Amino acid sequence: YADMRIRTKRLQIPHPRMFEREFVVRPLLEVL
């Protein structure tokens, strides 16, 4: 799944600004 990407009018995965979102970054840092 590492290279899997989805892009439609309403959805983009991975989100281009996901690392600017604390609710994404904080749990990731806890795992690392």
PDB file of N, CA and C in Angstrom:
ATOM      1  N   TYR A   1       0.797  -1.208   0.000  1.00  0.00           N
ATOM      2  CA  TYR A   1       0.000   0.000   0.000  1.00  0.00           C
ATOM      3  C   TYR A   1       0.837   1.268   0.000  1.00  0.00           C
ATOM      4  N   ALA A   2       2.119   1.153   0.099  1.00  0.00           N
ATOM      5  CA  ALA A   2       2.983   2.325   0.224  1.00  0.00           C
ATOM      6  C   ALA A   2       2.868   3.268  -0.969  1.00  0.00           C
ATOM      7  N   ASP A   3       2.641   2.724  -2.135  1.00  0.00           N
ATOM      8  CA  ASP A   3       2.550   3.559  -3.335  1.00  0.00           C
ATOM      9  C   ASP A   3       1.109   3.844  -3.753  1.00  0.00           C
ATOM     10  N   MET A   4       0.147   3.386  -2.958  1.00  0.00           N
ATOM     11  CA  MET A   4      -1.256   3.564  -3.311  1.00  0.00           C
ATOM     12  C   MET A   4      -1.686   5.015  -3.118  1.00  0.00           C
ATOM     13  N   ARG A   5      -2.331   5.562  -4.113  1.00  0.00           N
ATOM     14  CA  ARG A   5      -2.822   6.942  -4.054  1.00  0.00           C
ATOM     15  C   ARG A   5      -4.215   6.991  -4.662  1.00  0.00           C
ATOM     16  N   ILE A   6      -5.058   7.842  -4.076  1.00  0.00           N
ATOM     17  CA  ILE A   6      -6.413   8.053  -4.574  1.00  0.00           C
ATOM     18  C   ILE A   6      -6.601   9.545  -4.752  1.00  0.00           C
ATOM     19  N   ARG A   7      -7.140   9.927  -5.883  1.00  0.00           N
ATOM     20  CA  ARG A   7      -7.412  11.347  -6.109  1.00  0.00           C
ATOM     21  C   ARG A   7      -8.691  11.488  -6.919  1.00  0.00           C
ATOM     22  N   THR A   8      -9.691  12.062  -6.269  1.00  0.00           N
ATOM     23  CA  THR A   8     -10.952  12.379  -6.923  1.00  0.00           C
ATOM     24  C   THR A   8     -11.259  13.842  -6.632  1.00  0.00           C
ATOM     25  N   LYS A   9     -12.405  14.326  -7.097  1.00  0.00           N
ATOM     26  CA  LYS A   9     -12.784  15.712  -6.811  1.00  0.00           C
ATOM     27  C   LYS A   9     -12.943  15.957  -5.313  1.00  0.00           C
ATOM     28  N   ARG A  10     -13.417  14.946  -4.587  1.00  0.00           N
ATOM     29  CA  ARG A  10     -13.736  15.123  -3.174  1.00  0.00           C
ATOM     30  C   ARG A  10     -12.762  14.452  -2.218  1.00  0.00           C
ATOM     31  N   LEU A  11     -11.862  13.631  -2.719  1.00  0.00           N
ATOM     32  CA  LEU A  11     -11.007  12.851  -1.834  1.00  0.00           C
ATOM     33  C   LEU A  11      -9.604  12.750  -2.404  1.00  0.00           C
ATOM     34  N   GLN A  12      -8.627  12.951  -1.535  1.00  0.00           N
ATOM     35  CA  GLN A  12      -7.234  12.763  -1.933  1.00  0.00           C
ATOM     36  C   GLN A  12      -6.513  12.045  -0.799  1.00  0.00           C
ATOM     37  N   ILE A  13      -5.983  10.863  -1.116  1.00  0.00           N
ATOM     38  CA  ILE A  13      -5.261  10.044  -0.143  1.00  0.00           C
ATOM     39  C   ILE A  13      -3.914   9.689  -0.733  1.00  0.00           C
ATOM     40  N   PRO A  14      -2.830   9.963  -0.067  1.00  0.00           N
ATOM     41  CA  PRO A  14      -2.748  10.657   1.215  1.00  0.00           C
ATOM     42  C   PRO A  14      -3.048  12.148   1.050  1.00  0.00           C
ATOM     43  N   HIS A  15      -3.567  12.736   2.093  1.00  0.00           N
ATOM     44  CA  HIS A  15      -3.898  14.163   2.060  1.00  0.00           C
ATOM     45  C   HIS A  15      -2.605  14.961   1.938  1.00  0.00           C
ATOM     46  N   PRO A  16      -2.549  15.951   1.056  1.00  0.00           N
ATOM     47  CA  PRO A  16      -1.300  16.681   0.813  1.00  0.00           C
ATOM     48  C   PRO A  16      -0.778  17.460   2.026  1.00  0.00           C
ATOM     49  N   ARG A  17      -1.666  17.819   2.959  1.00  0.00           N
ATOM     50  CA  ARG A  17      -1.215  18.583   4.124  1.00  0.00           C
ATOM     51  C   ARG A  17      -1.420  17.815   5.425  1.00  0.00           C
ATOM     52  N   MET A  18      -1.403  16.495   5.357  1.00  0.00           N
ATOM     53  CA  MET A  18      -1.696  15.715   6.565  1.00  0.00           C
ATOM     54  C   MET A  18      -0.688  15.958   7.684  1.00  0.00           C
ATOM     55  N   PHE A  19       0.555  16.251   7.342  1.00  0.00           N
ATOM     56  CA  PHE A  19       1.556  16.460   8.388  1.00  0.00           C
ATOM     57  C   PHE A  19       1.465  17.837   9.024  1.00  0.00           C
ATOM     58  N   GLU A  20       0.552  18.659   8.556  1.00  0.00           N
ATOM     59  CA  GLU A  20       0.276  19.948   9.189  1.00  0.00           C
ATOM     60  C   GLU A  20      -0.840  19.818  10.221  1.00  0.00           C
ATOM     61  N   ARG A  21      -1.453  18.639  10.317  1.00  0.00           N
ATOM     62  CA  ARG A  21      -2.586  18.402  11.204  1.00  0.00           C
ATOM     63  C   ARG A  21      -2.104  17.721  12.481  1.00  0.00           C
ATOM     64  N   GLU A  22      -2.328  18.366  13.608  1.00  0.00           N
ATOM     65  CA  GLU A  22      -1.864  17.800  14.878  1.00  0.00           C
ATOM     66  C   GLU A  22      -2.505  16.447  15.160  1.00  0.00           C
ATOM     67  N   PHE A  23      -3.775  16.265  14.781  1.00  0.00           N
ATOM     68  CA  PHE A  23      -4.442  14.991  15.044  1.00  0.00           C
ATOM     69  C   PHE A  23      -3.855  13.847  14.223  1.00  0.00           C
ATOM     70  N   VAL A  24      -3.037  14.152  13.245  1.00  0.00           N
ATOM     71  CA  VAL A  24      -2.317  13.129  12.484  1.00  0.00           C
ATOM     72  C   VAL A  24      -0.916  12.946  13.059  1.00  0.00           C
ATOM     73  N   VAL A  25      -0.245  14.045  13.323  1.00  0.00           N
ATOM     74  CA  VAL A  25       1.161  14.011  13.729  1.00  0.00           C
ATOM     75  C   VAL A  25       1.344  13.453  15.140  1.00  0.00           C
ATOM     76  N   ARG A  26       0.510  13.877  16.084  1.00  0.00           N
ATOM     77  CA  ARG A  26       0.693  13.461  17.480  1.00  0.00           C
ATOM     78  C   ARG A  26       0.644  11.936  17.650  1.00  0.00           C
ATOM     79  N   PRO A  27      -0.380  11.245  17.156  1.00  0.00           N
ATOM     80  CA  PRO A  27      -0.377   9.782  17.299  1.00  0.00           C
ATOM     81  C   PRO A  27       0.791   9.113  16.571  1.00  0.00           C
ATOM     82  N   LEU A  28       1.166   9.665  15.440  1.00  0.00           N
ATOM     83  CA  LEU A  28       2.296   9.106  14.704  1.00  0.00           C
ATOM     84  C   LEU A  28       3.575   9.192  15.530  1.00  0.00           C
ATOM     85  N   LEU A  29       3.783  10.312  16.190  1.00  0.00           N
ATOM     86  CA  LEU A  29       4.972  10.478  17.030  1.00  0.00           C
ATOM     87  C   LEU A  29       4.959   9.529  18.221  1.00  0.00           C
ATOM     88  N   GLU A  30       3.788   9.220  18.743  1.00  0.00           N
ATOM     89  CA  GLU A  30       3.690   8.278  19.861  1.00  0.00           C
ATOM     90  C   GLU A  30       4.094   6.875  19.432  1.00  0.00           C
ATOM     91  N   VAL A  31       3.799   6.521  18.207  1.00  0.00           N
ATOM     92  CA  VAL A  31       4.139   5.190  17.697  1.00  0.00           C
ATOM     93  C   VAL A  31       5.632   5.092  17.409  1.00  0.00           C
ATOM     94  N   LEU A  32       6.188   6.165  16.902  1.00  0.00           N
ATOM     95  CA  LEU A  32       7.610   6.162  16.568  1.00  0.00           C
ATOM     96  C   LEU A  32       8.403   6.336  17.828  1.00  0.00           C
TER      97      LEU A  32
END
